[in-house]
C-alpha atoms as a PDB file:
ATOM      1  CA  MET A   1      -6.180  12.830   3.781  1.00  0.00           C
ATOM      2  CA  ASN A   2      -7.544   9.122   5.043  1.00  0.00           C
ATOM      3  CA  GLU A   3      -5.137   6.177   5.130  1.00  0.00           C
ATOM      4  CA  LYS A   4      -6.654   5.093   2.252  1.00  0.00           C
ATOM      5  CA  ASN A   5      -6.168   7.757   0.014  1.00  0.00           C
ATOM      6  CA  LEU A   6      -2.808   8.148   1.101  1.00  0.00           C
ATOM      7  CA  ILE A   7      -1.399   4.400   0.243  1.00  0.00           C
ATOM      8  CA  GLU A   8      -3.259   4.895  -3.034  1.00  0.00           C
ATOM      9  CA  ARG A   9      -1.234   8.186  -3.658  1.00  0.00           C
ATOM     10  CA  ALA A  10       1.933   6.231  -2.832  1.00  0.00           C
ATOM     11  CA  THR A  11       1.192   3.286  -5.055  1.00  0.00           C
ATOM     12  CA  VAL A  12       2.174   3.222  -8.968  1.00  0.00           C
ATOM     13  CA  GLU A  13       0.456   0.652  -9.901  1.00  0.00           C
ATOM     14  CA  PHE A  14       2.264  -0.940 -13.163  1.00  0.00           C
ATOM     15  CA  PRO A  15      -0.527  -1.916 -16.642  1.00  0.00           C
ATOM     16  CA  ARG A  16       0.357  -5.323 -16.161  1.00  0.00           C
ATOM     17  CA  PRO A  17       1.820  -8.336 -14.103  1.00  0.00           C
ATOM     18  CA  ILE A  18       5.866  -8.235 -14.250  1.00  0.00           C
ATOM     19  CA  ASP A  19       8.848 -10.594 -13.037  1.00  0.00           C
ATOM     20  CA  ILE A  20      11.942  -9.863 -11.452  1.00  0.00           C
ATOM     21  CA  ASP A  21      13.910  -9.670 -14.645  1.00  0.00           C
ATOM     22  CA  GLU A  22      11.624  -6.577 -15.627  1.00  0.00           C
ATOM     23  CA  MET A  23      11.465  -5.309 -12.347  1.00  0.00           C
ATOM     24  CA  HIS A  24      15.556  -4.841 -12.356  1.00  0.00           C
ATOM     25  CA  ALA A  25      14.914  -3.604 -15.910  1.00  0.00           C
ATOM     26  CA  LEU A  26      12.194  -0.085 -14.944  1.00  0.00           C
ATOM     27  CA  LEU A  27      14.389   0.703 -11.760  1.00  0.00           C
ATOM     28  CA  GLU A  28      17.473   0.011 -13.807  1.00  0.00           C
ATOM     29  CA  TYR A  29      15.028   2.950 -16.720  1.00  0.00           C
ATOM     30  CA  VAL A  30      13.786   4.971 -13.442  1.00  0.00           C
ATOM     31  CA  SER A  31      17.483   5.818 -13.079  1.00  0.00           C
ATOM     32  CA  HIS A  32      18.751   6.561 -16.224  1.00  0.00           C
ATOM     33  CA  ARG A  33      16.215   8.979 -17.097  1.00  0.00           C
ATOM     34  CA  MET A  34      15.518  10.150 -13.381  1.00  0.00           C
ATOM     35  CA  PRO A  35      18.343  10.405 -13.329  1.00  0.00           C
ATOM     36  CA  ALA A  36      18.251   8.938 -10.010  1.00  0.00           C
ATOM     37  CA  ARG A  37      20.748   6.618  -7.811  1.00  0.00           C
ATOM     38  CA  ILE A  38      18.627   3.930  -6.476  1.00  0.00           C
ATOM     39  CA  ASN A  39      19.939   1.362  -4.155  1.00  0.00           C
ATOM     40  CA  TYR A  40      17.628  -1.354  -3.534  1.00  0.00           C
ATOM     41  CA  SER A  41      17.862  -4.779  -2.910  1.00  0.00           C
ATOM     42  CA  THR A  42      16.292  -8.261  -3.169  1.00  0.00           C
ATOM     43  CA  THR A  43      15.037 -11.588  -1.368  1.00  0.00           C
ATOM     44  CA  HIS A  44      13.771 -15.243  -2.913  1.00  0.00           C
ATOM     45  CA  HIS A  45      11.354 -17.325  -1.125  1.00  0.00           C
ATOM     46  CA  THR A  46      11.824 -20.262  -2.259  1.00  0.00           C
ATOM     47  CA  VAL A  47       9.811 -23.431  -0.744  1.00  0.00           C
ATOM     48  CA  LEU A  48      12.601 -27.263  -0.478  1.00  0.00           C
ATOM     49  CA  MET A  49      10.491 -30.724  -0.206  1.00  0.00           C
ATOM     50  CA  PRO A  50      11.363 -33.954  -0.392  1.00  0.00           C
ATOM     51  CA  ASP A  51      10.280 -35.606  -3.747  1.00  0.00           C
ATOM     52  CA  SER A  52       8.890 -32.556  -4.697  1.00  0.00           C
ATOM     53  CA  PRO A  53       9.998 -30.261  -7.355  1.00  0.00           C
ATOM     54  CA  ALA A  54      11.287 -26.456  -6.156  1.00  0.00           C
ATOM     55  CA  ASP A  55       8.726 -24.049  -5.178  1.00  0.00           C
ATOM     56  CA  PRO A  56      10.106 -20.825  -6.948  1.00  0.00           C
ATOM     57  CA  GLY A  57       8.246 -19.239  -4.590  1.00  0.00           C
ATOM     58  CA  SER A  58       8.455 -15.022  -4.290  1.00  0.00           C
ATOM     59  CA  PHE A  59       9.909 -12.308  -4.684  1.00  0.00           C
ATOM     60  CA  SER A  60       9.981  -8.033  -2.712  1.00  0.00           C
ATOM     61  CA  ILE A  61      12.404  -5.784  -3.481  1.00  0.00           C
ATOM     62  CA  GLY A  62      13.175  -2.549  -1.412  1.00  0.00           C
ATOM     63  CA  GLY A  63      15.169   0.580  -1.615  1.00  0.00           C
ATOM     64  CA  MET A  64      15.637   3.825  -2.090  1.00  0.00           C
ATOM     65  CA  ILE A  65      15.899   6.301  -4.257  1.00  0.00           C
ATOM     66  CA  ARG A  66      17.511   9.646  -4.971  1.00  0.00           C
ATOM     67  CA  LYS A  67      17.457  12.270  -7.117  1.00  0.00           C
ATOM     68  CA  GLU A  68      21.353  12.618  -8.268  1.00  0.00           C
ATOM     69  CA  GLU A  69      21.149  16.580  -8.717  1.00  0.00           C
ATOM     70  CA  GLU A  70      18.496  17.104  -5.437  1.00  0.00           C
ATOM     71  CA  ALA A  71      19.597  16.701  -2.467  1.00  0.00           C
ATOM     72  CA  MET A  72      16.321  16.716   0.291  1.00  0.00           C
ATOM     73  CA  ALA A  73      14.847  14.458  -3.072  1.00  0.00           C
ATOM     74  CA  PHE A  74      15.044  10.870  -1.936  1.00  0.00           C
ATOM     75  CA  ASP A  75      12.531   8.603  -0.824  1.00  0.00           C
ATOM     76  CA  GLN A  76      12.193   4.404  -0.025  1.00  0.00           C
ATOM     77  CA  PHE A  77      10.085   2.061  -1.802  1.00  0.00           C
ATOM     78  CA  GLU A  78       8.447  -1.913  -1.938  1.00  0.00           C
ATOM     79  CA  THR A  79       7.322  -4.208  -4.644  1.00  0.00           C
ATOM     80  CA  VAL A  80       3.601  -4.864  -4.495  1.00  0.00           C
ATOM     81  CA  CYS A  81       2.802  -9.094  -5.539  1.00  0.00           C
ATOM     82  CA  SER A  82       0.541 -10.416  -7.047  1.00  0.00           C
ATOM     83  CA  SER A  83      -1.376 -11.952  -4.530  1.00  0.00           C
ATOM     84  CA  THR A  84      -2.931 -14.455  -7.707  1.00  0.00           C
ATOM     85  CA  ASP A  85       1.195 -14.895  -9.002  1.00  0.00           C
ATOM     86  CA  TYR A  86       4.354 -14.701  -6.254  1.00  0.00           C
ATOM     87  CA  GLN A  87       6.223 -14.395  -8.911  1.00  0.00           C
ATOM     88  CA  LYS A  88       5.084 -10.817 -10.197  1.00  0.00           C
ATOM     89  CA  ALA A  89       4.730  -7.374  -9.144  1.00  0.00           C
ATOM     90  CA  ILE A  90       2.068  -5.323  -9.735  1.00  0.00           C
ATOM     91  CA  GLY A  91       3.333  -2.022  -8.225  1.00  0.00           C
ATOM     92  CA  LEU A  92       6.197   0.032  -6.023  1.00  0.00           C
ATOM     93  CA  ARG A  93       5.020   1.490  -3.075  1.00  0.00           C
ATOM     94  CA  PHE A  94       6.614   4.398  -1.638  1.00  0.00           C
ATOM     95  CA  ASN A  95       7.487   4.707   2.536  1.00  0.00           C
ATOM     96  CA  ILE A  96       4.580   5.706   4.199  1.00  0.00           C
ATOM     97  CA  VAL A  97       4.793   7.390   7.620  1.00  0.00           C
ATOM     98  CA  PRO A  98       2.444   6.566  10.356  1.00  0.00           C
ATOM     99  CA  GLY A  99       0.215   9.215  11.075  1.00  0.00           C
ATOM    100  CA  TRP A 100       0.846  11.529   8.632  1.00  0.00           C
ATOM    101  CA  GLU A 101      -0.550  13.974   6.259  1.00  0.00           C
ATOM    102  CA  GLU A 102       0.560  14.341   1.779  1.00  0.00           C
ATOM    103  CA  SER A 103       1.113  17.604   3.326  1.00  0.00           C
ATOM    104  CA  ASP A 104       3.875  16.694   5.613  1.00  0.00           C
ATOM    105  CA  TYR A 105       6.287  15.058   3.294  1.00  0.00           C
ATOM    106  CA  ARG A 106       8.309  17.625   1.715  1.00  0.00           C
ATOM    107  CA  PRO A 107       7.421  19.340  -1.409  1.00  0.00           C
ATOM    108  CA  GLU A 108      10.923  17.140  -2.942  1.00  0.00           C
ATOM    109  CA  VAL A 109       9.487  14.136  -1.753  1.00  0.00           C
ATOM    110  CA  ALA A 110       5.944  14.854  -3.595  1.00  0.00           C
ATOM    111  CA  LYS A 111       8.121  15.501  -6.836  1.00  0.00           C
ATOM    112  CA  LEU A 112      10.139  12.378  -6.757  1.00  0.00           C
ATOM    113  CA  ARG A 113       6.943  10.421  -6.613  1.00  0.00           C
ATOM    114  CA  ASP A 114       5.329  11.767  -9.332  1.00  0.00           C
ATOM    115  CA  ASP A 115       8.031  11.985 -11.445  1.00  0.00           C
ATOM    116  CA  THR A 116       9.097   8.108 -10.960  1.00  0.00           C
ATOM    117  CA  ARG A 117       5.206   7.636 -11.870  1.00  0.00           C
ATOM    118  CA  GLU A 118       5.770   9.370 -15.189  1.00  0.00           C
ATOM    119  CA  LEU A 119       9.182   7.707 -16.036  1.00  0.00           C
ATOM    120  CA  ILE A 120       6.697   3.889 -14.441  1.00  0.00           C
ATOM    121  CA  GLY A 121       4.124   5.006 -17.162  1.00  0.00           C
ATOM    122  CA  LEU A 122       6.987   5.660 -19.779  1.00  0.00           C
ATOM    123  CA  TYR A 123       8.264   2.783 -19.241  1.00  0.00           C
ATOM    124  CA  PHE A 124       5.392   0.713 -19.981  1.00  0.00           C
ATOM    125  CA  LYS A 125       4.435   2.227 -23.190  1.00  0.00           C
ATOM    126  CA  CYS A 126       7.700   1.937 -24.952  1.00  0.00           C
ATOM    127  CA  ARG A 127       7.024  -1.548 -24.242  1.00  0.00           C
ATOM    128  CA  LYS A 128       3.552  -2.615 -25.371  1.00  0.00           C
ATOM    129  CA  GLY A 129       3.560  -5.276 -25.748  1.00  0.00           C
ATOM    130  CA  LYS A 130       6.582  -6.717 -24.530  1.00  0.00           C
ATOM    131  CA  LYS A 131       6.416  -9.851 -22.380  1.00  0.00           C
END
């Protein structure tokens, strides 16, 4: 599998861009339904200039998902920001180890990624037409 395909497999694209508040809600949804412990941090980038209103800038979230009942089922992730609206996330990308093929990842990690992808799909399906 080439690197491009590996990146695609490690990325969960959202059907629509979401803001930081909805990103928090999405992670909470995944945590409760998996169940999993999700530890993450949020970074905000704001631009302040004299004589101009504050530019709200962008945000990014990075963290780790660990299934509660499977010690080896964990992975790091980060948000994928929109290139046209920096205040929106358009996806979530799992950790990619340079030089690894998909088969190099433990089966528990592949299952965690697939389960997360499925739950994110359900989240948006349940909220179709909202926000």
